[in-house]
Every structure is written in structure tokens, then in C-alpha cells.
Amino acid sequence: MKKVFISQLMRDRTDDDILSERKEAIQLVKDAHGPDIEVIDSFLDIPSEGLKNPAVYYLGHSIILLSEADIVVFCRDFGYGRATRIEEMIAYTYGIKTLYL
């Protein structure tokens, strides 16, 4: 079973927009690799109160999850986000298969 990480912009987006885009990304992976996949839950809803830089905190958690992935799907406009660009660089550097929505 292939483990899939979905990299997408989340800032200033509604949960509905994010989840809808995730469905498209999951379908892309299933079309390319078959239905036997496990999606890593990277839609984080963890507390970050009191942190000096919550964005770095969330990026750190995303990188931990990315380390489990066989495949990373980069959603539309990922190039506009700092974290998503870093996730792409990590995937490239460490040889994690990538797909683009």
C-alpha cells in the first residue's frame, strides 16, 4: 500500500475548499497508482497558541508526516506558499515520488 502526502495551501482558505481540493488530489493518485493507497492526514488542527511563529510549528509537523510518504501530491498554486515550496524541495532532495494536480 502506498502512503500519500497531500501538499496544499491552507492559509486564508475555508475547510470546504481545502477538503474539496484534497478529494481531487486523492483521485489523481488513485488514477495513477490504483485504489490501494493510504492518505496521510496532513490537514492539521493542532493548537499553536503562545508560539512565536505558528507557521514554522505547522511546517515541522508536516515534514514529520512527509517522512512517511511514498508519494506527494502538490495541489494547485503550491508554488505560492513558503511551506509547500519547502515540502517540494524535501520531496525532490530525498527522492519522494511527486505528482502535481
C-alpha atoms as a PDB file:
ATOM      1  CA  MET A   1       0.000   0.000   0.000  1.00  0.00           C
ATOM      2  CA  LYS A   2       1.360   3.428  -0.992  1.00  0.00           C
ATOM      3  CA  LYS A   3       1.241   6.226   1.580  1.00  0.00           C
ATOM      4  CA  VAL A   4       0.285   9.602   0.109  1.00  0.00           C
ATOM      5  CA  PHE A   5       1.001  13.087   1.468  1.00  0.00           C
ATOM      6  CA  ILE A   6      -1.016  15.993   0.065  1.00  0.00           C
ATOM      7  CA  SER A   7       0.756  19.343  -0.023  1.00  0.00           C
ATOM      8  CA  GLN A   8      -1.559  22.308  -0.426  1.00  0.00           C
ATOM      9  CA  LEU A   9      -2.067  25.909   0.528  1.00  0.00           C
ATOM     10  CA  MET A  10      -4.246  26.266   3.602  1.00  0.00           C
ATOM     11  CA  ARG A  11      -3.814  29.847   4.739  1.00  0.00           C
ATOM     12  CA  ASP A  12      -6.869  32.055   4.188  1.00  0.00           C
ATOM     13  CA  ARG A  13      -8.874  29.132   2.761  1.00  0.00           C
ATOM     14  CA  THR A  14     -12.062  27.552   4.054  1.00  0.00           C
ATOM     15  CA  ASP A  15     -12.123  23.959   5.257  1.00  0.00           C
ATOM     16  CA  ASP A  16     -14.542  23.165   2.418  1.00  0.00           C
ATOM     17  CA  ASP A  17     -12.075  24.475  -0.198  1.00  0.00           C
ATOM     18  CA  ILE A  18      -9.221  22.520   1.331  1.00  0.00           C
ATOM     19  CA  LEU A  19     -11.177  19.271   1.611  1.00  0.00           C
ATOM     20  CA  SER A  20     -12.556  19.583  -1.929  1.00  0.00           C
ATOM     21  CA  GLU A  21      -9.050  20.003  -3.332  1.00  0.00           C
ATOM     22  CA  ARG A  22      -7.864  17.022  -1.270  1.00  0.00           C
ATOM     23  CA  LYS A  23     -10.553  14.852  -2.893  1.00  0.00           C
ATOM     24  CA  GLU A  24      -9.224  15.827  -6.332  1.00  0.00           C
ATOM     25  CA  ALA A  25      -5.664  15.007  -5.250  1.00  0.00           C
ATOM     26  CA  ILE A  26      -6.703  11.607  -3.906  1.00  0.00           C
ATOM     27  CA  GLN A  27      -8.463  10.807  -7.177  1.00  0.00           C
ATOM     28  CA  LEU A  28      -5.323  11.788  -9.120  1.00  0.00           C
ATOM     29  CA  VAL A  29      -3.240   9.305  -7.120  1.00  0.00           C
ATOM     30  CA  LYS A  30      -5.846   6.552  -7.484  1.00  0.00           C
ATOM     31  CA  ASP A  31      -5.976   7.115 -11.252  1.00  0.00           C
ATOM     32  CA  ALA A  32      -2.173   6.933 -11.484  1.00  0.00           C
ATOM     33  CA  HIS A  33      -1.428   4.177  -8.929  1.00  0.00           C
ATOM     34  CA  GLY A  34      -4.643   2.297  -8.272  1.00  0.00           C
ATOM     35  CA  PRO A  35      -7.033   2.365  -5.334  1.00  0.00           C
ATOM     36  CA  ASP A  36      -4.701   0.735  -2.807  1.00  0.00           C
ATOM     37  CA  ILE A  37      -3.415   3.922  -1.132  1.00  0.00           C
ATOM     38  CA  GLU A  38      -3.397   5.392   2.346  1.00  0.00           C
ATOM     39  CA  VAL A  39      -3.690   9.164   2.653  1.00  0.00           C
ATOM     40  CA  ILE A  40      -1.599  10.684   5.420  1.00  0.00           C
ATOM     41  CA  ASP A  41      -3.791  13.115   7.347  1.00  0.00           C
ATOM     42  CA  SER A  42      -1.882  16.378   6.920  1.00  0.00           C
ATOM     43  CA  PHE A  43      -4.923  18.593   7.498  1.00  0.00           C
ATOM     44  CA  LEU A  44      -3.606  19.659  10.893  1.00  0.00           C
ATOM     45  CA  ASP A  45      -5.822  21.097  13.581  1.00  0.00           C
ATOM     46  CA  ILE A  46      -3.429  21.250  16.490  1.00  0.00           C
ATOM     47  CA  PRO A  47      -3.072  24.075  18.994  1.00  0.00           C
ATOM     48  CA  SER A  48      -0.341  26.630  18.377  1.00  0.00           C
ATOM     49  CA  GLU A  49      -1.213  29.265  20.966  1.00  0.00           C
ATOM     50  CA  GLY A  50       1.686  31.070  22.541  1.00  0.00           C
ATOM     51  CA  LEU A  51       4.159  30.208  19.796  1.00  0.00           C
ATOM     52  CA  LYS A  52       6.337  32.913  18.320  1.00  0.00           C
ATOM     53  CA  ASN A  53       5.912  31.504  14.806  1.00  0.00           C
ATOM     54  CA  PRO A  54       2.986  29.068  14.362  1.00  0.00           C
ATOM     55  CA  ALA A  55       3.766  28.654  10.639  1.00  0.00           C
ATOM     56  CA  VAL A  56       7.134  27.059  11.486  1.00  0.00           C
ATOM     57  CA  TYR A  57       5.406  24.821  14.024  1.00  0.00           C
ATOM     58  CA  TYR A  58       2.938  23.540  11.408  1.00  0.00           C
ATOM     59  CA  LEU A  59       5.707  23.116   8.833  1.00  0.00           C
ATOM     60  CA  GLY A  60       7.659  20.987  11.300  1.00  0.00           C
ATOM     61  CA  HIS A  61       4.678  18.694  11.799  1.00  0.00           C
ATOM     62  CA  SER A  62       4.150  18.492   8.032  1.00  0.00           C
ATOM     63  CA  ILE A  63       7.765  17.472   7.490  1.00  0.00           C
ATOM     64  CA  ILE A  64       7.390  14.681  10.038  1.00  0.00           C
ATOM     65  CA  LEU A  65       4.318  13.415   8.162  1.00  0.00           C
ATOM     66  CA  LEU A  66       6.072  13.826   4.802  1.00  0.00           C
ATOM     67  CA  SER A  67       8.779  11.444   6.019  1.00  0.00           C
ATOM     68  CA  GLU A  68       6.195   8.619   5.906  1.00  0.00           C
ATOM     69  CA  ALA A  69       5.160   9.252   2.277  1.00  0.00           C
ATOM     70  CA  ASP A  70       5.778   7.161  -0.821  1.00  0.00           C
ATOM     71  CA  ILE A  71       4.082   9.795  -2.984  1.00  0.00           C
ATOM     72  CA  VAL A  72       3.478  13.533  -2.555  1.00  0.00           C
ATOM     73  CA  VAL A  73       0.730  15.337  -4.442  1.00  0.00           C
ATOM     74  CA  PHE A  74       1.227  19.078  -4.879  1.00  0.00           C
ATOM     75  CA  CYS A  75      -2.062  20.889  -5.324  1.00  0.00           C
ATOM     76  CA  ARG A  76      -2.757  23.967  -7.417  1.00  0.00           C
ATOM     77  CA  ASP A  77      -0.843  27.122  -6.567  1.00  0.00           C
ATOM     78  CA  PHE A  78       1.514  25.263  -4.213  1.00  0.00           C
ATOM     79  CA  GLY A  79       4.342  27.461  -5.531  1.00  0.00           C
ATOM     80  CA  TYR A  80       2.852  30.477  -3.785  1.00  0.00           C
ATOM     81  CA  GLY A  81       3.295  29.026  -0.300  1.00  0.00           C
ATOM     82  CA  ARG A  82       6.535  29.003   1.644  1.00  0.00           C
ATOM     83  CA  ALA A  83       5.772  25.691   3.349  1.00  0.00           C
ATOM     84  CA  THR A  84       4.606  23.942   0.178  1.00  0.00           C
ATOM     85  CA  ARG A  85       7.746  25.044  -1.691  1.00  0.00           C
ATOM     86  CA  ILE A  86       9.849  23.659   1.166  1.00  0.00           C
ATOM     87  CA  GLU A  87       7.876  20.387   1.033  1.00  0.00           C
ATOM     88  CA  GLU A  88       8.592  20.161  -2.703  1.00  0.00           C
ATOM     89  CA  MET A  89      12.304  20.752  -2.136  1.00  0.00           C
ATOM     90  CA  ILE A  90      12.349  17.997   0.501  1.00  0.00           C
ATOM     91  CA  ALA A  91      10.485  15.570  -1.776  1.00  0.00           C
ATOM     92  CA  TYR A  92      12.916  16.279  -4.629  1.00  0.00           C
ATOM     93  CA  THR A  93      16.022  16.109  -2.437  1.00  0.00           C
ATOM     94  CA  TYR A  94      15.023  12.834  -0.784  1.00  0.00           C
ATOM     95  CA  GLY A  95      13.610  11.154  -3.882  1.00  0.00           C
ATOM     96  CA  ILE A  96       9.934  11.003  -2.880  1.00  0.00           C
ATOM     97  CA  LYS A  97       7.743  10.481  -5.935  1.00  0.00           C
ATOM     98  CA  THR A  98       5.738  13.602  -6.812  1.00  0.00           C
ATOM     99  CA  LEU A  99       2.513  14.281  -8.660  1.00  0.00           C
ATOM    100  CA  TYR A 100       1.011  17.666  -9.489  1.00  0.00           C
ATOM    101  CA  LEU A 101      -2.700  18.480  -9.503  1.00  0.00           C
END
